[in-house]
Amino acid sequence: MNPEEINMKFEKAYELACQTDLKFAPDIMLHFYAYYKRATENNRFYTPTGDSDLRSAFKLNALLQVKNISSEEAKIRYIEMVEKYIGDI
């Protein structure tokens, strides 16, 4: 896929993920979160904020696991997760 195709599929994958009523285990949700943030943060490292220190710690750990992949790779992995857990794009 070229970058334009990846971006189009990523947008469709995000729409599917936002519209699903499926419930996922917390580790799957963290993967979705980390790949999405890495895909959309333009090489800056995103630090989660929120009321729960424990929740922020889990989010930060998920982000640390994907910090060395490119934005494009994060988009591809996000697309693959949507196709695996939600359905074809």
PDB file of N, CA and C in Angstrom:
ATOM      1  N   MET A   1       0.846  -1.185   0.000  1.00  0.00           N
ATOM      2  CA  MET A   1       0.000   0.000   0.000  1.00  0.00           C
ATOM      3  C   MET A   1       0.885   1.240   0.000  1.00  0.00           C
ATOM      4  N   ASN A   2       0.449   2.221  -0.733  1.00  0.00           N
ATOM      5  CA  ASN A   2       1.176   3.486  -0.694  1.00  0.00           C
ATOM      6  C   ASN A   2       0.635   4.326   0.468  1.00  0.00           C
ATOM      7  N   PRO A   3       1.332   5.409   0.838  1.00  0.00           N
ATOM      8  CA  PRO A   3       0.901   6.214   1.992  1.00  0.00           C
ATOM      9  C   PRO A   3      -0.533   6.731   1.899  1.00  0.00           C
ATOM     10  N   GLU A   4      -0.965   7.099   0.711  1.00  0.00           N
ATOM     11  CA  GLU A   4      -2.338   7.590   0.558  1.00  0.00           C
ATOM     12  C   GLU A   4      -3.354   6.490   0.851  1.00  0.00           C
ATOM     13  N   GLU A   5      -3.082   5.276   0.370  1.00  0.00           N
ATOM     14  CA  GLU A   5      -3.983   4.139   0.633  1.00  0.00           C
ATOM     15  C   GLU A   5      -3.999   3.805   2.120  1.00  0.00           C
ATOM     16  N   ILE A   6      -2.830   3.870   2.750  1.00  0.00           N
ATOM     17  CA  ILE A   6      -2.755   3.598   4.191  1.00  0.00           C
ATOM     18  C   ILE A   6      -3.599   4.612   4.955  1.00  0.00           C
ATOM     19  N   ASN A   7      -3.480   5.886   4.610  1.00  0.00           N
ATOM     20  CA  ASN A   7      -4.255   6.920   5.290  1.00  0.00           C
ATOM     21  C   ASN A   7      -5.752   6.720   5.111  1.00  0.00           C
ATOM     22  N   MET A   8      -6.174   6.371   3.916  1.00  0.00           N
ATOM     23  CA  MET A   8      -7.601   6.139   3.669  1.00  0.00           C
ATOM     24  C   MET A   8      -8.105   4.940   4.467  1.00  0.00           C
ATOM     25  N   LYS A   9      -7.333   3.851   4.471  1.00  0.00           N
ATOM     26  CA  LYS A   9      -7.745   2.660   5.233  1.00  0.00           C
ATOM     27  C   LYS A   9      -7.733   2.946   6.727  1.00  0.00           C
ATOM     28  N   PHE A  10      -6.769   3.730   7.178  1.00  0.00           N
ATOM     29  CA  PHE A  10      -6.685   4.078   8.593  1.00  0.00           C
ATOM     30  C   PHE A  10      -7.926   4.869   9.011  1.00  0.00           C
ATOM     31  N   GLU A  11      -8.336   5.822   8.206  1.00  0.00           N
ATOM     32  CA  GLU A  11      -9.535   6.607   8.514  1.00  0.00           C
ATOM     33  C   GLU A  11     -10.769   5.713   8.581  1.00  0.00           C
ATOM     34  N   LYS A  12     -10.890   4.779   7.642  1.00  0.00           N
ATOM     35  CA  LYS A  12     -12.029   3.847   7.650  1.00  0.00           C
ATOM     36  C   LYS A  12     -11.967   2.948   8.873  1.00  0.00           C
ATOM     37  N   ALA A  13     -10.764   2.486   9.220  1.00  0.00           N
ATOM     38  CA  ALA A  13     -10.595   1.630  10.392  1.00  0.00           C
ATOM     39  C   ALA A  13     -10.995   2.377  11.658  1.00  0.00           C
ATOM     40  N   TYR A  14     -10.586   3.639  11.745  1.00  0.00           N
ATOM     41  CA  TYR A  14     -10.936   4.442  12.918  1.00  0.00           C
ATOM     42  C   TYR A  14     -12.451   4.614  13.020  1.00  0.00           C
ATOM     43  N   GLU A  15     -13.102   4.876  11.903  1.00  0.00           N
ATOM     44  CA  GLU A  15     -14.561   5.007  11.903  1.00  0.00           C
ATOM     45  C   GLU A  15     -15.235   3.722  12.375  1.00  0.00           C
ATOM     46  N   LEU A  16     -14.764   2.576  11.876  1.00  0.00           N
ATOM     47  CA  LEU A  16     -15.326   1.289  12.308  1.00  0.00           C
ATOM     48  C   LEU A  16     -15.125   1.076  13.804  1.00  0.00           C
ATOM     49  N   ALA A  17     -13.929   1.391  14.279  1.00  0.00           N
ATOM     50  CA  ALA A  17     -13.622   1.192  15.698  1.00  0.00           C
ATOM     51  C   ALA A  17     -14.496   2.084  16.570  1.00  0.00           C
ATOM     52  N   CYS A  18     -14.737   3.297  16.132  1.00  0.00           N
ATOM     53  CA  CYS A  18     -15.572   4.227  16.902  1.00  0.00           C
ATOM     54  C   CYS A  18     -17.038   3.808  16.930  1.00  0.00           C
ATOM     55  N   GLN A  19     -17.491   3.139  15.891  1.00  0.00           N
ATOM     56  CA  GLN A  19     -18.906   2.796  15.767  1.00  0.00           C
ATOM     57  C   GLN A  19     -19.256   1.415  16.311  1.00  0.00           C
ATOM     58  N   THR A  20     -18.262   0.625  16.652  1.00  0.00           N
ATOM     59  CA  THR A  20     -18.564  -0.736  17.087  1.00  0.00           C
ATOM     60  C   THR A  20     -19.165  -0.769  18.490  1.00  0.00           C
ATOM     61  N   ASP A  21     -20.012  -1.734  18.704  1.00  0.00           N
ATOM     62  CA  ASP A  21     -20.578  -1.977  20.026  1.00  0.00           C
ATOM     63  C   ASP A  21     -19.872  -3.137  20.719  1.00  0.00           C
ATOM     64  N   LEU A  22     -18.876  -3.699  20.060  1.00  0.00           N
ATOM     65  CA  LEU A  22     -18.138  -4.819  20.639  1.00  0.00           C
ATOM     66  C   LEU A  22     -17.351  -4.368  21.858  1.00  0.00           C
ATOM     67  N   LYS A  23     -17.218  -5.254  22.811  1.00  0.00           N
ATOM     68  CA  LYS A  23     -16.435  -4.985  24.023  1.00  0.00           C
ATOM     69  C   LYS A  23     -15.142  -5.780  23.933  1.00  0.00           C
ATOM     70  N   PHE A  24     -14.032  -5.147  24.301  1.00  0.00           N
ATOM     71  CA  PHE A  24     -12.727  -5.784  24.216  1.00  0.00           C
ATOM     72  C   PHE A  24     -12.062  -5.824  25.580  1.00  0.00           C
ATOM     73  N   ALA A  25     -11.156  -6.785  25.721  1.00  0.00           N
ATOM     74  CA  ALA A  25     -10.359  -6.889  26.938  1.00  0.00           C
ATOM     75  C   ALA A  25      -9.489  -5.635  27.064  1.00  0.00           C
ATOM     76  N   PRO A  26      -9.138  -5.267  28.292  1.00  0.00           N
ATOM     77  CA  PRO A  26      -8.328  -4.057  28.484  1.00  0.00           C
ATOM     78  C   PRO A  26      -7.011  -4.052  27.701  1.00  0.00           C
ATOM     79  N   ASP A  27      -6.353  -5.194  27.577  1.00  0.00           N
ATOM     80  CA  ASP A  27      -5.083  -5.200  26.841  1.00  0.00           C
ATOM     81  C   ASP A  27      -5.296  -4.896  25.361  1.00  0.00           C
ATOM     82  N   ILE A  28      -6.390  -5.353  24.785  1.00  0.00           N
ATOM     83  CA  ILE A  28      -6.707  -5.056  23.382  1.00  0.00           C
ATOM     84  C   ILE A  28      -7.011  -3.570  23.239  1.00  0.00           C
ATOM     85  N   MET A  29      -7.788  -3.027  24.154  1.00  0.00           N
ATOM     86  CA  MET A  29      -8.099  -1.595  24.120  1.00  0.00           C
ATOM     87  C   MET A  29      -6.831  -0.747  24.220  1.00  0.00           C
ATOM     88  N   LEU A  30      -5.885  -1.164  25.042  1.00  0.00           N
ATOM     89  CA  LEU A  30      -4.632  -0.425  25.166  1.00  0.00           C
ATOM     90  C   LEU A  30      -3.823  -0.468  23.873  1.00  0.00           C
ATOM     91  N   HIS A  31      -3.863  -1.598  23.174  1.00  0.00           N
ATOM     92  CA  HIS A  31      -3.185  -1.678  21.890  1.00  0.00           C
ATOM     93  C   HIS A  31      -3.829  -0.726  20.874  1.00  0.00           C
ATOM     94  N   PHE A  32      -5.152  -0.738  20.821  1.00  0.00           N
ATOM     95  CA  PHE A  32      -5.847   0.204  19.944  1.00  0.00           C
ATOM     96  C   PHE A  32      -5.417   1.644  20.277  1.00  0.00           C
ATOM     97  N   TYR A  33      -5.429   1.958  21.550  1.00  0.00           N
ATOM     98  CA  TYR A  33      -5.075   3.302  22.015  1.00  0.00           C
ATOM     99  C   TYR A  33      -3.650   3.680  21.603  1.00  0.00           C
ATOM    100  N   ALA A  34      -2.710   2.802  21.875  1.00  0.00           N
ATOM    101  CA  ALA A  34      -1.304   3.109  21.606  1.00  0.00           C
ATOM    102  C   ALA A  34      -1.039   3.264  20.107  1.00  0.00           C
ATOM    103  N   TYR A  35      -1.578   2.363  19.315  1.00  0.00           N
ATOM    104  CA  TYR A  35      -1.373   2.475  17.867  1.00  0.00           C
ATOM    105  C   TYR A  35      -2.026   3.740  17.317  1.00  0.00           C
ATOM    106  N   TYR A  36      -3.213   4.062  17.794  1.00  0.00           N
ATOM    107  CA  TYR A  36      -3.878   5.267  17.319  1.00  0.00           C
ATOM    108  C   TYR A  36      -3.072   6.511  17.692  1.00  0.00           C
ATOM    109  N   LYS A  37      -2.651   6.592  18.936  1.00  0.00           N
ATOM    110  CA  LYS A  37      -1.887   7.758  19.377  1.00  0.00           C
ATOM    111  C   LYS A  37      -0.580   7.879  18.613  1.00  0.00           C
ATOM    112  N   ARG A  38       0.113   6.761  18.423  1.00  0.00           N
ATOM    113  CA  ARG A  38       1.390   6.790  17.687  1.00  0.00           C
ATOM    114  C   ARG A  38       1.152   7.180  16.230  1.00  0.00           C
ATOM    115  N   ALA A  39       0.065   6.733  15.668  1.00  0.00           N
ATOM    116  CA  ALA A  39      -0.249   7.038  14.273  1.00  0.00           C
ATOM    117  C   ALA A  39      -0.597   8.506  14.074  1.00  0.00           C
ATOM    118  N   THR A  40      -1.121   9.150  15.090  1.00  0.00           N
ATOM    119  CA  THR A  40      -1.641  10.509  14.916  1.00  0.00           C
ATOM    120  C   THR A  40      -0.830  11.594  15.610  1.00  0.00           C
ATOM    121  N   GLU A  41       0.229  11.269  16.300  1.00  0.00           N
ATOM    122  CA  GLU A  41       0.977  12.272  17.061  1.00  0.00           C
ATOM    123  C   GLU A  41       2.191  12.844  16.344  1.00  0.00           C
ATOM    124  N   ASN A  42       2.437  12.493  15.088  1.00  0.00           N
ATOM    125  CA  ASN A  42       3.513  13.090  14.289  1.00  0.00           C
ATOM    126  C   ASN A  42       4.882  13.097  14.977  1.00  0.00           C
ATOM    127  N   ASN A  43       5.305  11.937  15.416  1.00  0.00           N
ATOM    128  CA  ASN A  43       6.631  11.714  15.995  1.00  0.00           C
ATOM    129  C   ASN A  43       6.886  12.421  17.316  1.00  0.00           C
ATOM    130  N   ARG A  44       5.888  13.003  17.895  1.00  0.00           N
ATOM    131  CA  ARG A  44       6.029  13.528  19.252  1.00  0.00           C
ATOM    132  C   ARG A  44       5.586  12.436  20.197  1.00  0.00           C
ATOM    133  N   PHE A  45       6.136  12.431  21.396  1.00  0.00           N
ATOM    134  CA  PHE A  45       5.710  11.433  22.365  1.00  0.00           C
ATOM    135  C   PHE A  45       4.558  12.006  23.161  1.00  0.00           C
ATOM    136  N   TYR A  46       3.456  11.296  23.164  1.00  0.00           N
ATOM    137  CA  TYR A  46       2.238  11.727  23.845  1.00  0.00           C
ATOM    138  C   TYR A  46       2.257  11.196  25.269  1.00  0.00           C
ATOM    139  N   THR A  47       1.992  12.060  26.233  1.00  0.00           N
ATOM    140  CA  THR A  47       1.895  11.648  27.627  1.00  0.00           C
ATOM    141  C   THR A  47       0.445  11.710  28.053  1.00  0.00           C
ATOM    142  N   PRO A  48      -0.107  10.577  28.478  1.00  0.00           N
ATOM    143  CA  PRO A  48      -1.523  10.565  28.856  1.00  0.00           C
ATOM    144  C   PRO A  48      -1.773  11.378  30.119  1.00  0.00           C
ATOM    145  N   THR A  49      -2.947  11.963  30.180  1.00  0.00           N
ATOM    146  CA  THR A  49      -3.365  12.679  31.379  1.00  0.00           C
ATOM    147  C   THR A  49      -4.708  12.128  31.804  1.00  0.00           C
ATOM    148  N   GLY A  50      -5.048  12.350  33.021  1.00  0.00           N
ATOM    149  CA  GLY A  50      -6.341  11.874  33.485  1.00  0.00           C
ATOM    150  C   GLY A  50      -6.394  11.810  34.990  1.00  0.00           C
ATOM    151  N   ASP A  51      -7.533  11.386  35.481  1.00  0.00           N
ATOM    152  CA  ASP A  51      -7.753  11.348  36.920  1.00  0.00           C
ATOM    153  C   ASP A  51      -7.117  10.137  37.586  1.00  0.00           C
ATOM    154  N   SER A  52      -6.979   9.062  36.878  1.00  0.00           N
ATOM    155  CA  SER A  52      -6.510   7.822  37.470  1.00  0.00           C
ATOM    156  C   SER A  52      -5.028   7.602  37.195  1.00  0.00           C
ATOM    157  N   ASP A  53      -4.239   7.560  38.257  1.00  0.00           N
ATOM    158  CA  ASP A  53      -2.808   7.294  38.089  1.00  0.00           C
ATOM    159  C   ASP A  53      -2.578   5.907  37.515  1.00  0.00           C
ATOM    160  N   LEU A  54      -3.356   4.934  37.940  1.00  0.00           N
ATOM    161  CA  LEU A  54      -3.197   3.574  37.442  1.00  0.00           C
ATOM    162  C   LEU A  54      -3.534   3.493  35.961  1.00  0.00           C
ATOM    163  N   ARG A  55      -4.615   4.116  35.566  1.00  0.00           N
ATOM    164  CA  ARG A  55      -4.999   4.122  34.159  1.00  0.00           C
ATOM    165  C   ARG A  55      -3.924   4.820  33.320  1.00  0.00           C
ATOM    166  N   SER A  56      -3.431   5.947  33.791  1.00  0.00           N
ATOM    167  CA  SER A  56      -2.372   6.665  33.076  1.00  0.00           C
ATOM    168  C   SER A  56      -1.111   5.824  32.968  1.00  0.00           C
ATOM    169  N   ALA A  57      -0.813   5.061  34.000  1.00  0.00           N
ATOM    170  CA  ALA A  57       0.372   4.200  33.973  1.00  0.00           C
ATOM    171  C   ALA A  57       0.231   3.113  32.907  1.00  0.00           C
ATOM    172  N   PHE A  58      -0.936   2.526  32.795  1.00  0.00           N
ATOM    173  CA  PHE A  58      -1.164   1.510  31.761  1.00  0.00           C
ATOM    174  C   PHE A  58      -1.071   2.123  30.367  1.00  0.00           C
ATOM    175  N   LYS A  59      -1.639   3.312  30.205  1.00  0.00           N
ATOM    176  CA  LYS A  59      -1.567   3.990  28.910  1.00  0.00           C
ATOM    177  C   LYS A  59      -0.117   4.330  28.559  1.00  0.00           C
ATOM    178  N   LEU A  60       0.613   4.849  29.526  1.00  0.00           N
ATOM    179  CA  LEU A  60       2.010   5.198  29.282  1.00  0.00           C
ATOM    180  C   LEU A  60       2.823   3.965  28.910  1.00  0.00           C
ATOM    181  N   ASN A  61       2.592   2.864  29.584  1.00  0.00           N
ATOM    182  CA  ASN A  61       3.287   1.617  29.256  1.00  0.00           C
ATOM    183  C   ASN A  61       2.975   1.174  27.830  1.00  0.00           C
ATOM    184  N   ALA A  62       1.714   1.273  27.433  1.00  0.00           N
ATOM    185  CA  ALA A  62       1.329   0.897  26.062  1.00  0.00           C
ATOM    186  C   ALA A  62       2.019   1.801  25.047  1.00  0.00           C
ATOM    187  N   LEU A  63       2.098   3.082  25.348  1.00  0.00           N
ATOM    188  CA  LEU A  63       2.762   4.020  24.447  1.00  0.00           C
ATOM    189  C   LEU A  63       4.266   3.746  24.356  1.00  0.00           C
ATOM    190  N   LEU A  64       4.867   3.398  25.466  1.00  0.00           N
ATOM    191  CA  LEU A  64       6.301   3.080  25.452  1.00  0.00           C
ATOM    192  C   LEU A  64       6.597   1.867  24.584  1.00  0.00           C
ATOM    193  N   GLN A  65       5.664   0.943  24.518  1.00  0.00           N
ATOM    194  CA  GLN A  65       5.859  -0.255  23.712  1.00  0.00           C
ATOM    195  C   GLN A  65       5.837   0.033  22.209  1.00  0.00           C
ATOM    196  N   VAL A  66       5.238   1.135  21.803  1.00  0.00           N
ATOM    197  CA  VAL A  66       5.159   1.444  20.370  1.00  0.00           C
ATOM    198  C   VAL A  66       5.970   2.682  19.979  1.00  0.00           C
ATOM    199  N   LYS A  67       6.769   3.198  20.890  1.00  0.00           N
ATOM    200  CA  LYS A  67       7.461   4.457  20.612  1.00  0.00           C
ATOM    201  C   LYS A  67       8.495   4.351  19.496  1.00  0.00           C
ATOM    202  N   ASN A  68       8.980   3.164  19.202  1.00  0.00           N
ATOM    203  CA  ASN A  68      10.020   3.006  18.190  1.00  0.00           C
ATOM    204  C   ASN A  68       9.488   2.629  16.807  1.00  0.00           C
ATOM    205  N   ILE A  69       8.180   2.620  16.651  1.00  0.00           N
ATOM    206  CA  ILE A  69       7.639   2.343  15.314  1.00  0.00           C
ATOM    207  C   ILE A  69       7.215   3.666  14.678  1.00  0.00           C
ATOM    208  N   SER A  70       7.192   3.685  13.373  1.00  0.00           N
ATOM    209  CA  SER A  70       6.815   4.899  12.652  1.00  0.00           C
ATOM    210  C   SER A  70       5.303   5.109  12.721  1.00  0.00           C
ATOM    211  N   SER A  71       4.906   6.309  12.401  1.00  0.00           N
ATOM    212  CA  SER A  71       3.488   6.623  12.334  1.00  0.00           C
ATOM    213  C   SER A  71       2.797   5.734  11.304  1.00  0.00           C
ATOM    214  N   GLU A  72       3.452   5.530  10.178  1.00  0.00           N
ATOM    215  CA  GLU A  72       2.877   4.680   9.127  1.00  0.00           C
ATOM    216  C   GLU A  72       2.720   3.241   9.597  1.00  0.00           C
ATOM    217  N   GLU A  73       3.722   2.710  10.285  1.00  0.00           N
ATOM    218  CA  GLU A  73       3.634   1.347  10.813  1.00  0.00           C
ATOM    219  C   GLU A  73       2.514   1.244  11.843  1.00  0.00           C
ATOM    220  N   ALA A  74       2.355   2.264  12.669  1.00  0.00           N
ATOM    221  CA  ALA A  74       1.274   2.268  13.656  1.00  0.00           C
ATOM    222  C   ALA A  74      -0.084   2.245  12.967  1.00  0.00           C
ATOM    223  N   LYS A  75      -0.217   2.980  11.873  1.00  0.00           N
ATOM    224  CA  LYS A  75      -1.474   2.961  11.112  1.00  0.00           C
ATOM    225  C   LYS A  75      -1.755   1.575  10.565  1.00  0.00           C
ATOM    226  N   ILE A  76      -0.729   0.936  10.022  1.00  0.00           N
ATOM    227  CA  ILE A  76      -0.899  -0.414   9.471  1.00  0.00           C
ATOM    228  C   ILE A  76      -1.314  -1.391  10.566  1.00  0.00           C
ATOM    229  N   ARG A  77      -0.671  -1.316  11.707  1.00  0.00           N
ATOM    230  CA  ARG A  77      -1.025  -2.227  12.810  1.00  0.00           C
ATOM    231  C   ARG A  77      -2.430  -1.948  13.338  1.00  0.00           C
ATOM    232  N   TYR A  78      -2.817  -0.691  13.374  1.00  0.00           N
ATOM    233  CA  TYR A  78      -4.170  -0.336  13.795  1.00  0.00           C
ATOM    234  C   TYR A  78      -5.193  -0.927  12.823  1.00  0.00           C
ATOM    235  N   ILE A  79      -4.919  -0.778  11.538  1.00  0.00           N
ATOM    236  CA  ILE A  79      -5.796  -1.351  10.508  1.00  0.00           C
ATOM    237  C   ILE A  79      -5.905  -2.856  10.695  1.00  0.00           C
ATOM    238  N   GLU A  80      -4.776  -3.520  10.917  1.00  0.00           N
ATOM    239  CA  GLU A  80      -4.777  -4.980  11.115  1.00  0.00           C
ATOM    240  C   GLU A  80      -5.594  -5.372  12.334  1.00  0.00           C
ATOM    241  N   MET A  81      -5.496  -4.598  13.416  1.00  0.00           N
ATOM    242  CA  MET A  81      -6.283  -4.905  14.612  1.00  0.00           C
ATOM    243  C   MET A  81      -7.778  -4.749  14.352  1.00  0.00           C
ATOM    244  N   VAL A  82      -8.150  -3.687  13.660  1.00  0.00           N
ATOM    245  CA  VAL A  82      -9.565  -3.487  13.354  1.00  0.00           C
ATOM    246  C   VAL A  82     -10.077  -4.651  12.513  1.00  0.00           C
ATOM    247  N   GLU A  83      -9.298  -5.038  11.513  1.00  0.00           N
ATOM    248  CA  GLU A  83      -9.739  -6.151  10.672  1.00  0.00           C
ATOM    249  C   GLU A  83      -9.816  -7.464  11.452  1.00  0.00           C
ATOM    250  N   LYS A  84      -8.925  -7.649  12.401  1.00  0.00           N
ATOM    251  CA  LYS A  84      -8.931  -8.882  13.202  1.00  0.00           C
ATOM    252  C   LYS A  84     -10.086  -8.918  14.190  1.00  0.00           C
ATOM    253  N   TYR A  85     -10.339  -7.809  14.881  1.00  0.00           N
ATOM    254  CA  TYR A  85     -11.306  -7.815  15.968  1.00  0.00           C
ATOM    255  C   TYR A  85     -12.684  -7.279  15.607  1.00  0.00           C
ATOM    256  N   ILE A  86     -12.774  -6.467  14.558  1.00  0.00           N
ATOM    257  CA  ILE A  86     -14.058  -5.840  14.237  1.00  0.00           C
ATOM    258  C   ILE A  86     -14.583  -6.323  12.884  1.00  0.00           C
ATOM    259  N   GLY A  87     -13.764  -6.318  11.861  1.00  0.00           N
ATOM    260  CA  GLY A  87     -14.205  -6.762  10.557  1.00  0.00           C
ATOM    261  C   GLY A  87     -13.417  -6.100   9.443  1.00  0.00           C
ATOM    262  N   ASP A  88     -13.606  -6.604   8.244  1.00  0.00           N
ATOM    263  CA  ASP A  88     -12.875  -6.087   7.101  1.00  0.00           C
ATOM    264  C   ASP A  88     -13.241  -4.638   6.815  1.00  0.00           C
ATOM    265  N   ILE A  89     -12.265  -3.952   6.317  1.00  0.00           N
ATOM    266  CA  ILE A  89     -12.437  -2.532   5.978  1.00  0.00           C
ATOM    267  C   ILE A  89     -12.794  -2.434   4.506  1.00  0.00           C
TER     268      ILE A  89
END
